[in-house]
Amino acid sequence: MKNKSDVAVMLREAGILFAITLIAGVMLGFVYELTKEPIRIQQEKAIQEACMAVFPDSGENCVFEQIQYVPESETMEELAAQGVTIGSVYSARMQGEADNTLMGYVVESVTSEGYGGEIVLYVGVAVDGSVGGVSILDISETPGLGMEAPKVLTPQFAGKNVESFTYTKTGSRAESEVDAISGATITTKAVVNAVNGALRVTQNLLSGGGANE
């Protein structure tokens, strides 16, 4: 049976532990509040830079704003079958004009079927359906093969106006064909599917489906 001194020691240690936990919690809350705004600003800056990268002709007056997008169930099923999910979607509008003219959309498209895991892309599509550009934000493919995607694959989409893309191993002969990376067919297929997913979303948005700005 514990004596009174043992109980007092336990209570004192419990009190000390409680005080440390409380102070740590208060400090963490303070640090969070202190860094929350700078982090938000940096995130917004990164998003704007990514959007401008896939809308190279947008200019300083173009503003990118995130919109609420809910894909139609049929679209979601088709994309899921290809290992593609849609993340954030941004409208690109020309600020300063009377009607804030819509220039197009930037779609975050994620494929889970890369050779090394997920590949995250930003795809810019103008209102006429042409691809402004494709930027790969996250990729972990094989060095010297799939990791060549940002240099070899993404430039092939820019400026093209097609309903969807396919890839070929024998040299592209049509605007809708993309030359595959030699030895990295899996990566090529994943990137093409992700870009096609973004095109599908943009086509839905331009036809008035699934958007709630």
Protein backbone atom coordinates (compact mmCIF):
# COMPACT_ATOMS: atom_id res chain seq x y z
CA MET A 1 0.00 0.00 0.00
CA LYS A 2 1.40 3.42 -1.02
CA ASN A 3 2.09 5.89 1.78
CA LYS A 4 1.16 9.57 1.69
CA SER A 5 4.60 10.66 0.46
CA ASP A 6 4.35 8.35 -2.54
CA VAL A 7 0.92 9.75 -3.43
CA ALA A 8 2.23 13.29 -3.09
CA VAL A 9 5.14 12.52 -5.44
CA MET A 10 2.77 10.99 -8.00
CA LEU A 11 0.45 13.98 -7.85
CA ARG A 12 3.35 16.40 -8.19
CA GLU A 13 4.75 14.52 -11.20
CA ALA A 14 1.29 14.36 -12.77
CA GLY A 15 0.92 18.09 -12.24
CA ILE A 16 4.30 18.78 -13.84
CA LEU A 17 3.43 16.57 -16.82
CA PHE A 18 0.08 18.33 -17.22
CA ALA A 19 1.75 21.74 -17.09
CA ILE A 20 4.34 20.71 -19.72
CA THR A 21 1.61 19.34 -22.00
CA LEU A 22 -0.46 22.50 -21.58
CA ILE A 23 2.49 24.79 -22.32
CA ALA A 24 3.49 22.70 -25.35
CA GLY A 25 -0.08 22.83 -26.68
CA VAL A 26 -0.24 26.60 -26.24
CA MET A 27 3.13 27.03 -27.98
CA LEU A 28 2.11 24.81 -30.89
CA GLY A 29 -1.10 26.80 -31.28
CA PHE A 30 0.86 30.04 -31.23
CA VAL A 31 3.36 28.78 -33.82
CA TYR A 32 0.50 27.57 -36.04
CA GLU A 33 -1.24 30.94 -35.94
CA LEU A 34 2.08 32.69 -36.55
CA THR A 35 2.94 30.60 -39.61
CA LYS A 36 -0.54 30.00 -41.03
CA GLU A 37 -0.72 33.16 -43.11
CA PRO A 38 2.84 32.97 -44.56
CA ILE A 39 2.23 29.31 -45.50
CA ARG A 40 -1.07 30.24 -47.17
CA ILE A 41 0.63 33.01 -49.12
CA GLN A 42 3.40 30.67 -50.28
CA GLN A 43 0.86 28.03 -51.32
CA GLU A 44 -1.12 30.57 -53.31
CA LYS A 45 2.07 31.83 -54.95
CA ALA A 46 3.05 28.27 -55.90
CA ILE A 47 -0.41 27.67 -57.38
CA GLN A 48 -0.29 30.90 -59.37
CA GLU A 49 3.16 30.02 -60.71
CA ALA A 50 1.99 26.53 -61.68
CA CYS A 51 -1.08 27.95 -63.41
CA MET A 52 0.97 30.54 -65.30
CA ALA A 53 3.36 27.80 -66.40
CA VAL A 54 0.57 25.98 -68.22
CA PHE A 55 -0.97 29.22 -69.50
CA PRO A 56 2.21 30.81 -70.89
CA ASP A 57 0.37 33.49 -72.87
CA SER A 58 -1.89 34.53 -69.99
CA GLY A 59 -0.03 37.73 -69.11
CA GLU A 60 0.01 39.69 -65.86
CA ASN A 61 -3.70 40.50 -65.99
CA CYS A 62 -4.78 36.87 -65.88
CA VAL A 63 -6.12 35.75 -62.53
CA PHE A 64 -6.49 32.11 -61.51
CA GLU A 65 -9.24 31.31 -59.02
CA GLN A 66 -10.15 27.92 -57.61
CA ILE A 67 -13.67 26.81 -58.45
CA GLN A 68 -15.90 24.12 -57.01
CA TYR A 69 -16.02 21.24 -59.46
CA VAL A 70 -18.01 18.06 -59.03
CA PRO A 71 -17.48 15.63 -61.93
CA GLU A 72 -20.48 13.84 -63.33
CA SER A 73 -20.70 10.23 -62.14
CA GLU A 74 -20.05 8.90 -65.65
CA THR A 75 -16.91 11.03 -65.92
CA MET A 76 -15.67 9.90 -62.50
CA GLU A 77 -16.15 6.25 -63.43
CA GLU A 78 -14.33 6.62 -66.73
CA LEU A 79 -11.41 8.41 -65.14
CA ALA A 80 -11.22 5.97 -62.24
CA ALA A 81 -11.01 3.08 -64.70
CA GLN A 82 -7.86 4.72 -66.06
CA GLY A 83 -6.39 5.38 -62.62
CA VAL A 84 -7.03 9.14 -62.84
CA THR A 85 -8.52 11.43 -60.21
CA ILE A 86 -9.14 15.15 -60.46
CA GLY A 87 -7.84 17.53 -57.81
CA SER A 88 -8.20 21.30 -57.75
CA VAL A 89 -9.63 23.17 -60.73
CA TYR A 90 -8.95 26.85 -61.45
CA SER A 91 -10.58 29.27 -63.85
CA ALA A 92 -8.33 31.62 -65.79
CA ARG A 93 -9.90 35.03 -66.32
CA MET A 94 -8.58 38.26 -67.78
CA GLN A 95 -8.85 40.80 -64.98
CA GLY A 96 -9.70 44.39 -65.80
CA GLU A 97 -12.09 43.64 -68.62
CA ALA A 98 -15.78 44.41 -68.13
CA ASP A 99 -16.85 40.78 -68.17
CA ASN A 100 -13.66 39.22 -66.73
CA THR A 101 -13.30 37.19 -69.90
CA LEU A 102 -12.82 33.46 -69.32
CA MET A 103 -9.62 32.26 -70.96
CA GLY A 104 -9.82 28.64 -69.90
CA TYR A 105 -9.14 26.32 -67.00
CA VAL A 106 -6.23 24.77 -65.16
CA VAL A 107 -6.89 21.25 -63.94
CA GLU A 108 -4.90 19.26 -61.39
CA SER A 109 -4.92 15.69 -62.66
CA VAL A 110 -3.44 12.77 -60.69
CA THR A 111 -2.66 9.34 -62.07
CA SER A 112 -2.00 6.44 -59.72
CA GLU A 113 -0.58 4.25 -62.49
CA GLY A 114 2.91 5.61 -62.88
CA TYR A 115 5.72 3.05 -62.68
CA GLY A 116 6.90 4.58 -59.40
CA GLY A 117 3.50 5.62 -58.01
CA GLU A 118 1.41 8.76 -58.35
CA ILE A 119 2.16 11.45 -60.91
CA VAL A 120 0.60 14.87 -60.35
CA LEU A 121 0.09 17.22 -63.30
CA TYR A 122 -1.32 20.67 -63.93
CA VAL A 123 -2.92 20.99 -67.35
CA GLY A 124 -3.96 24.33 -68.85
CA VAL A 125 -6.73 24.24 -71.45
CA ALA A 126 -7.99 27.33 -73.29
CA VAL A 127 -11.64 27.97 -74.10
CA ASP A 128 -11.05 26.81 -77.68
CA GLY A 129 -9.97 23.41 -76.35
CA SER A 130 -6.26 23.82 -77.08
CA VAL A 131 -3.72 22.75 -74.48
CA GLY A 132 -1.74 25.71 -73.20
CA GLY A 133 0.76 23.52 -71.43
CA VAL A 134 1.35 20.62 -69.07
CA SER A 135 3.45 20.81 -65.92
CA ILE A 136 4.41 17.80 -63.80
CA LEU A 137 4.44 18.75 -60.12
CA ASP A 138 5.22 15.38 -58.56
CA ILE A 139 6.83 12.33 -60.14
CA SER A 140 8.95 9.44 -58.84
CA GLU A 141 9.72 7.35 -61.89
CA THR A 142 12.87 5.52 -62.94
CA PRO A 143 15.87 7.85 -63.45
CA GLY A 144 16.84 8.11 -67.10
CA LEU A 145 13.52 6.61 -68.22
CA GLY A 146 10.19 7.72 -66.72
CA MET A 147 11.85 10.69 -65.05
CA GLU A 148 12.38 12.09 -68.55
CA ALA A 149 8.62 12.79 -68.76
CA PRO A 150 8.84 16.53 -67.90
CA LYS A 151 11.44 17.02 -70.63
CA VAL A 152 10.23 14.55 -73.27
CA LEU A 153 6.47 14.18 -72.85
CA THR A 154 5.01 17.46 -71.59
CA PRO A 155 6.27 19.65 -74.48
CA GLN A 156 4.40 17.41 -76.93
CA PHE A 157 0.97 18.45 -75.61
CA ALA A 158 1.38 22.24 -75.81
CA GLY A 159 -0.60 24.00 -78.49
CA LYS A 160 -2.51 20.87 -79.55
CA ASN A 161 -6.28 21.05 -79.99
CA VAL A 162 -7.64 17.51 -79.94
CA GLU A 163 -10.39 15.65 -78.12
CA SER A 164 -7.90 13.23 -76.55
CA PHE A 165 -4.35 11.97 -76.93
CA THR A 166 -2.87 8.56 -77.65
CA TYR A 167 0.74 7.46 -77.51
CA THR A 168 2.83 5.66 -80.09
CA LYS A 169 6.16 3.86 -80.10
CA THR A 170 6.73 4.28 -83.83
CA GLY A 171 6.78 8.06 -84.19
CA SER A 172 3.79 10.37 -84.08
CA ARG A 173 1.99 10.96 -87.36
CA ALA A 174 -1.03 12.85 -86.08
CA GLU A 175 -1.54 15.84 -83.79
CA SER A 176 -3.26 13.60 -81.25
CA GLU A 177 -0.29 11.21 -81.04
CA VAL A 178 2.47 11.53 -78.45
CA ASP A 179 5.85 9.85 -78.87
CA ALA A 180 6.38 7.44 -76.00
CA ILE A 181 9.52 7.57 -73.91
CA SER A 182 11.71 4.67 -74.99
CA GLY A 183 11.67 2.04 -72.25
CA ALA A 184 9.02 3.88 -70.22
CA THR A 185 5.69 2.91 -71.74
CA ILE A 186 3.98 2.70 -68.34
CA THR A 187 4.96 6.27 -67.49
CA THR A 188 3.93 7.49 -70.93
CA LYS A 189 0.52 5.84 -70.70
CA ALA A 190 -0.06 7.24 -67.21
CA VAL A 191 0.80 10.81 -68.25
CA VAL A 192 -1.34 10.62 -71.40
CA ASN A 193 -4.30 9.33 -69.37
CA ALA A 194 -3.87 12.13 -66.84
CA VAL A 195 -3.81 14.78 -69.57
CA ASN A 196 -6.86 13.21 -71.20
CA GLY A 197 -8.61 13.34 -67.82
CA ALA A 198 -7.97 17.08 -67.62
CA LEU A 199 -9.23 17.52 -71.17
CA ARG A 200 -12.41 15.62 -70.33
CA VAL A 201 -13.01 17.84 -67.30
CA THR A 202 -12.44 21.01 -69.30
CA GLN A 203 -14.79 19.84 -72.02
CA ASN A 204 -17.46 19.27 -69.35
CA LEU A 205 -16.86 22.72 -67.87
CA LEU A 206 -17.01 24.48 -71.22
CA SER A 207 -20.26 22.71 -72.03
CA GLY A 208 -21.71 23.81 -68.67
CA GLY A 209 -21.43 20.52 -66.82
CA GLY A 210 -20.19 19.94 -63.27
CA ALA A 211 -19.11 23.50 -62.44
CA ASN A 212 -20.23 25.66 -59.57
CA GLU A 213 -18.16 28.84 -59.52
